[in-house]
N, C-alpha and C. Protein backbone atom coordinates (compact mmCIF):
# COMPACT_ATOMS: atom_id res chain seq x y z
N MET A 1 0.85 -1.19 0.00
CA MET A 1 0.00 0.00 0.00
C MET A 1 0.88 1.24 0.00
N ALA A 2 0.34 2.30 -0.54
CA ALA A 2 1.05 3.57 -0.61
C ALA A 2 0.91 4.32 0.71
N GLN A 3 1.79 5.28 0.89
CA GLN A 3 1.73 6.15 2.07
C GLN A 3 1.55 7.58 1.61
N VAL A 4 0.84 8.36 2.42
CA VAL A 4 0.62 9.77 2.13
C VAL A 4 1.05 10.57 3.35
N LEU A 5 1.83 11.60 3.11
CA LEU A 5 2.26 12.49 4.18
C LEU A 5 1.70 13.87 3.89
N VAL A 6 0.95 14.40 4.82
CA VAL A 6 0.36 15.73 4.65
C VAL A 6 1.05 16.66 5.63
N ARG A 7 1.67 17.67 5.09
CA ARG A 7 2.40 18.63 5.92
C ARG A 7 1.58 19.89 6.15
N GLN A 8 1.95 20.61 7.17
CA GLN A 8 1.40 21.93 7.50
C GLN A 8 -0.11 21.92 7.68
N VAL A 9 -0.60 20.95 8.45
CA VAL A 9 -2.01 20.89 8.79
C VAL A 9 -2.17 21.66 10.10
N GLU A 10 -3.12 22.57 10.13
CA GLU A 10 -3.33 23.38 11.33
C GLU A 10 -3.73 22.49 12.51
N GLU A 11 -3.28 22.88 13.70
CA GLU A 11 -3.56 22.11 14.91
C GLU A 11 -5.05 21.96 15.16
N VAL A 12 -5.82 23.01 14.89
CA VAL A 12 -7.26 22.93 15.13
C VAL A 12 -7.90 21.85 14.24
N VAL A 13 -7.37 21.68 13.03
CA VAL A 13 -7.89 20.65 12.13
C VAL A 13 -7.54 19.27 12.67
N VAL A 14 -6.30 19.10 13.09
CA VAL A 14 -5.86 17.80 13.64
C VAL A 14 -6.66 17.47 14.90
N ASP A 15 -6.83 18.45 15.76
CA ASP A 15 -7.59 18.22 16.99
C ASP A 15 -9.03 17.82 16.69
N SER A 16 -9.63 18.48 15.73
CA SER A 16 -11.00 18.16 15.35
C SER A 16 -11.09 16.74 14.79
N LEU A 17 -10.15 16.36 13.94
CA LEU A 17 -10.13 15.02 13.37
C LEU A 17 -9.91 13.97 14.45
N LYS A 18 -9.05 14.27 15.42
CA LYS A 18 -8.80 13.33 16.52
C LYS A 18 -10.07 13.12 17.34
N ARG A 19 -10.82 14.20 17.60
CA ARG A 19 -12.07 14.07 18.36
C ARG A 19 -13.10 13.23 17.59
N LYS A 20 -13.19 13.47 16.30
CA LYS A 20 -14.14 12.71 15.49
C LYS A 20 -13.75 11.24 15.43
N ALA A 21 -12.45 10.97 15.32
CA ALA A 21 -11.97 9.59 15.30
C ALA A 21 -12.28 8.90 16.62
N ALA A 22 -12.02 9.59 17.73
CA ALA A 22 -12.27 9.01 19.05
C ALA A 22 -13.77 8.73 19.24
N ALA A 23 -14.62 9.64 18.74
CA ALA A 23 -16.07 9.46 18.87
C ALA A 23 -16.53 8.22 18.10
N ARG A 24 -15.80 7.84 17.09
CA ARG A 24 -16.14 6.65 16.30
C ARG A 24 -15.36 5.42 16.76
N GLY A 25 -14.55 5.61 17.76
CA GLY A 25 -13.80 4.48 18.31
C GLY A 25 -12.67 4.01 17.40
N THR A 26 -12.07 4.92 16.66
CA THR A 26 -10.97 4.57 15.76
C THR A 26 -9.81 5.53 15.95
N SER A 27 -8.70 5.20 15.34
CA SER A 27 -7.53 6.07 15.43
C SER A 27 -7.65 7.21 14.42
N LEU A 28 -6.83 8.23 14.61
CA LEU A 28 -6.78 9.33 13.65
C LEU A 28 -6.43 8.79 12.26
N GLU A 29 -5.44 7.90 12.21
CA GLU A 29 -5.02 7.32 10.93
C GLU A 29 -6.17 6.59 10.25
N GLY A 30 -6.88 5.75 11.03
CA GLY A 30 -8.00 5.01 10.47
C GLY A 30 -9.12 5.91 10.00
N TYR A 31 -9.39 6.94 10.78
CA TYR A 31 -10.45 7.89 10.43
C TYR A 31 -10.12 8.63 9.14
N VAL A 32 -8.89 9.13 9.05
CA VAL A 32 -8.47 9.86 7.85
C VAL A 32 -8.44 8.92 6.64
N ARG A 33 -8.01 7.67 6.85
CA ARG A 33 -8.00 6.70 5.75
C ARG A 33 -9.42 6.47 5.23
N ASP A 34 -10.37 6.33 6.15
CA ASP A 34 -11.77 6.15 5.75
C ASP A 34 -12.30 7.37 4.99
N LEU A 35 -11.95 8.56 5.45
CA LEU A 35 -12.36 9.79 4.76
C LEU A 35 -11.83 9.82 3.33
N MET A 36 -10.55 9.51 3.18
CA MET A 36 -9.94 9.54 1.85
C MET A 36 -10.53 8.47 0.95
N THR A 37 -10.78 7.31 1.50
CA THR A 37 -11.34 6.21 0.70
C THR A 37 -12.74 6.57 0.22
N ARG A 38 -13.57 7.08 1.12
CA ARG A 38 -14.93 7.48 0.73
C ARG A 38 -14.90 8.58 -0.32
N ASP A 39 -13.98 9.52 -0.17
CA ASP A 39 -13.91 10.63 -1.12
C ASP A 39 -13.38 10.18 -2.48
N ALA A 40 -12.56 9.15 -2.49
CA ALA A 40 -11.96 8.69 -3.74
C ALA A 40 -12.93 7.88 -4.60
N VAL A 41 -13.96 7.34 -3.99
CA VAL A 41 -14.93 6.53 -4.72
C VAL A 41 -15.86 7.46 -5.49
N GLU A 42 -15.93 7.26 -6.80
CA GLU A 42 -16.78 8.08 -7.64
C GLU A 42 -18.20 7.53 -7.59
N THR A 43 -19.14 8.38 -7.22
CA THR A 43 -20.54 7.96 -7.13
C THR A 43 -21.22 8.07 -8.50
N ARG A 44 -22.38 7.49 -8.59
CA ARG A 44 -23.16 7.60 -9.83
C ARG A 44 -23.42 9.05 -10.18
N SER A 45 -23.80 9.84 -9.18
CA SER A 45 -24.11 11.24 -9.46
C SER A 45 -22.86 11.99 -9.93
N ASP A 46 -21.68 11.61 -9.41
CA ASP A 46 -20.43 12.21 -9.88
C ASP A 46 -20.21 11.89 -11.35
N ILE A 47 -20.43 10.63 -11.71
CA ILE A 47 -20.23 10.19 -13.10
C ILE A 47 -21.21 10.91 -14.02
N VAL A 48 -22.48 10.99 -13.60
CA VAL A 48 -23.50 11.65 -14.41
C VAL A 48 -23.15 13.13 -14.59
N ALA A 49 -22.72 13.78 -13.53
CA ALA A 49 -22.36 15.20 -13.62
C ALA A 49 -21.18 15.40 -14.56
N ARG A 50 -20.19 14.51 -14.48
CA ARG A 50 -19.02 14.61 -15.36
C ARG A 50 -19.41 14.40 -16.81
N LEU A 51 -20.27 13.42 -17.07
CA LEU A 51 -20.72 13.17 -18.44
C LEU A 51 -21.59 14.30 -18.98
N ARG A 52 -22.44 14.86 -18.13
CA ARG A 52 -23.27 15.99 -18.57
C ARG A 52 -22.41 17.20 -18.91
N ALA A 53 -21.38 17.42 -18.11
CA ALA A 53 -20.46 18.53 -18.40
C ALA A 53 -19.76 18.30 -19.73
N ARG A 54 -19.36 17.07 -19.98
CA ARG A 54 -18.70 16.74 -21.24
C ARG A 54 -19.66 16.91 -22.41
N MET A 55 -20.91 16.47 -22.24
CA MET A 55 -21.90 16.58 -23.30
C MET A 55 -22.25 18.04 -23.58
N ALA A 56 -22.20 18.89 -22.57
CA ALA A 56 -22.52 20.31 -22.75
C ALA A 56 -21.54 20.97 -23.72
N ASP A 57 -20.33 20.45 -23.80
CA ASP A 57 -19.33 21.00 -24.70
C ASP A 57 -19.48 20.50 -26.13
N GLN A 58 -20.33 19.50 -26.32
CA GLN A 58 -20.52 18.92 -27.65
C GLN A 58 -21.61 19.67 -28.40
N PRO A 59 -21.48 19.79 -29.73
CA PRO A 59 -22.56 20.43 -30.50
C PRO A 59 -23.82 19.59 -30.45
N ALA A 60 -24.95 20.25 -30.51
CA ALA A 60 -26.24 19.54 -30.46
C ALA A 60 -26.40 18.70 -31.73
N GLN A 61 -27.00 17.55 -31.57
CA GLN A 61 -27.28 16.68 -32.70
C GLN A 61 -28.54 17.21 -33.38
N THR A 62 -28.40 17.63 -34.62
CA THR A 62 -29.54 18.22 -35.32
C THR A 62 -30.01 17.36 -36.50
N SER A 63 -29.31 16.30 -36.80
CA SER A 63 -29.69 15.49 -37.96
C SER A 63 -30.81 14.52 -37.59
N ASP A 64 -31.70 14.32 -38.55
CA ASP A 64 -32.78 13.37 -38.40
C ASP A 64 -32.32 12.07 -39.06
N THR A 65 -31.99 11.09 -38.27
CA THR A 65 -31.44 9.86 -38.83
C THR A 65 -32.45 9.13 -39.70
N THR A 66 -33.74 9.28 -39.39
CA THR A 66 -34.75 8.64 -40.22
C THR A 66 -34.70 9.20 -41.63
N ALA A 67 -34.62 10.52 -41.74
CA ALA A 67 -34.54 11.14 -43.06
C ALA A 67 -33.25 10.74 -43.78
N LEU A 68 -32.16 10.67 -43.06
CA LEU A 68 -30.89 10.27 -43.67
C LEU A 68 -30.97 8.83 -44.19
N LEU A 69 -31.53 7.94 -43.39
CA LEU A 69 -31.67 6.55 -43.83
C LEU A 69 -32.57 6.43 -45.06
N ARG A 70 -33.66 7.20 -45.06
CA ARG A 70 -34.55 7.16 -46.22
C ARG A 70 -33.84 7.68 -47.46
N ALA A 71 -33.07 8.76 -47.30
CA ALA A 71 -32.34 9.31 -48.44
C ALA A 71 -31.31 8.31 -48.95
N MET A 72 -30.64 7.62 -48.05
CA MET A 72 -29.67 6.62 -48.46
C MET A 72 -30.38 5.47 -49.18
N ARG A 73 -31.50 5.04 -48.63
CA ARG A 73 -32.25 3.95 -49.23
C ARG A 73 -32.75 4.34 -50.62
N ASP A 74 -33.29 5.54 -50.71
CA ASP A 74 -33.81 6.01 -52.00
C ASP A 74 -32.68 6.14 -53.01
N GLY A 75 -31.53 6.61 -52.57
CA GLY A 75 -30.37 6.71 -53.45
C GLY A 75 -29.91 5.35 -53.89
N ALA A 76 -29.94 4.37 -53.00
CA ALA A 76 -29.52 3.00 -53.33
C ALA A 76 -30.48 2.39 -54.32
N ASP A 77 -31.80 2.69 -54.16
CA ASP A 77 -32.78 2.18 -55.11
C ASP A 77 -32.52 2.75 -56.50
N GLU A 78 -32.15 4.04 -56.57
CA GLU A 78 -31.88 4.66 -57.86
C GLU A 78 -30.67 4.03 -58.51
N LEU A 79 -29.63 3.71 -57.70
CA LEU A 79 -28.44 3.08 -58.24
C LEU A 79 -28.78 1.71 -58.81
N GLU A 80 -29.58 0.95 -58.07
CA GLU A 80 -29.96 -0.38 -58.53
C GLU A 80 -30.75 -0.28 -59.83
N GLY A 81 -31.63 0.73 -59.94
CA GLY A 81 -32.40 0.92 -61.15
C GLY A 81 -31.52 1.29 -62.33
N ASP A 82 -30.46 2.10 -62.09
CA ASP A 82 -29.54 2.50 -63.14
C ASP A 82 -28.73 1.31 -63.64
N GLU A 83 -28.36 0.43 -62.73
CA GLU A 83 -27.56 -0.73 -63.10
C GLU A 83 -28.37 -1.70 -63.95
N ALA A 84 -29.68 -1.77 -63.69
CA ALA A 84 -30.54 -2.68 -64.43
C ALA A 84 -30.76 -2.21 -65.87
N ALA A 85 -30.66 -0.91 -66.09
CA ALA A 85 -30.93 -0.35 -67.41
C ALA A 85 -29.85 -0.60 -68.42
């Protein structure tokens, strides 16, 4: 497993984390490890938000695929008719 060293953490922050860890019956290390693990896990809502942000940068889809397929089909029918002639 990897190790993480965090420097220059204010005493009030460390004291608060120690109290929260003690209230849960765990060590400061265990408490902070649990916090980091929970924060590192990407939730469904995080994924959806990231994908929506990515989609917002994409141009809107304006083509009607039904019309495109019909045009392709009609064009293919014309080609087949030309080949028969």
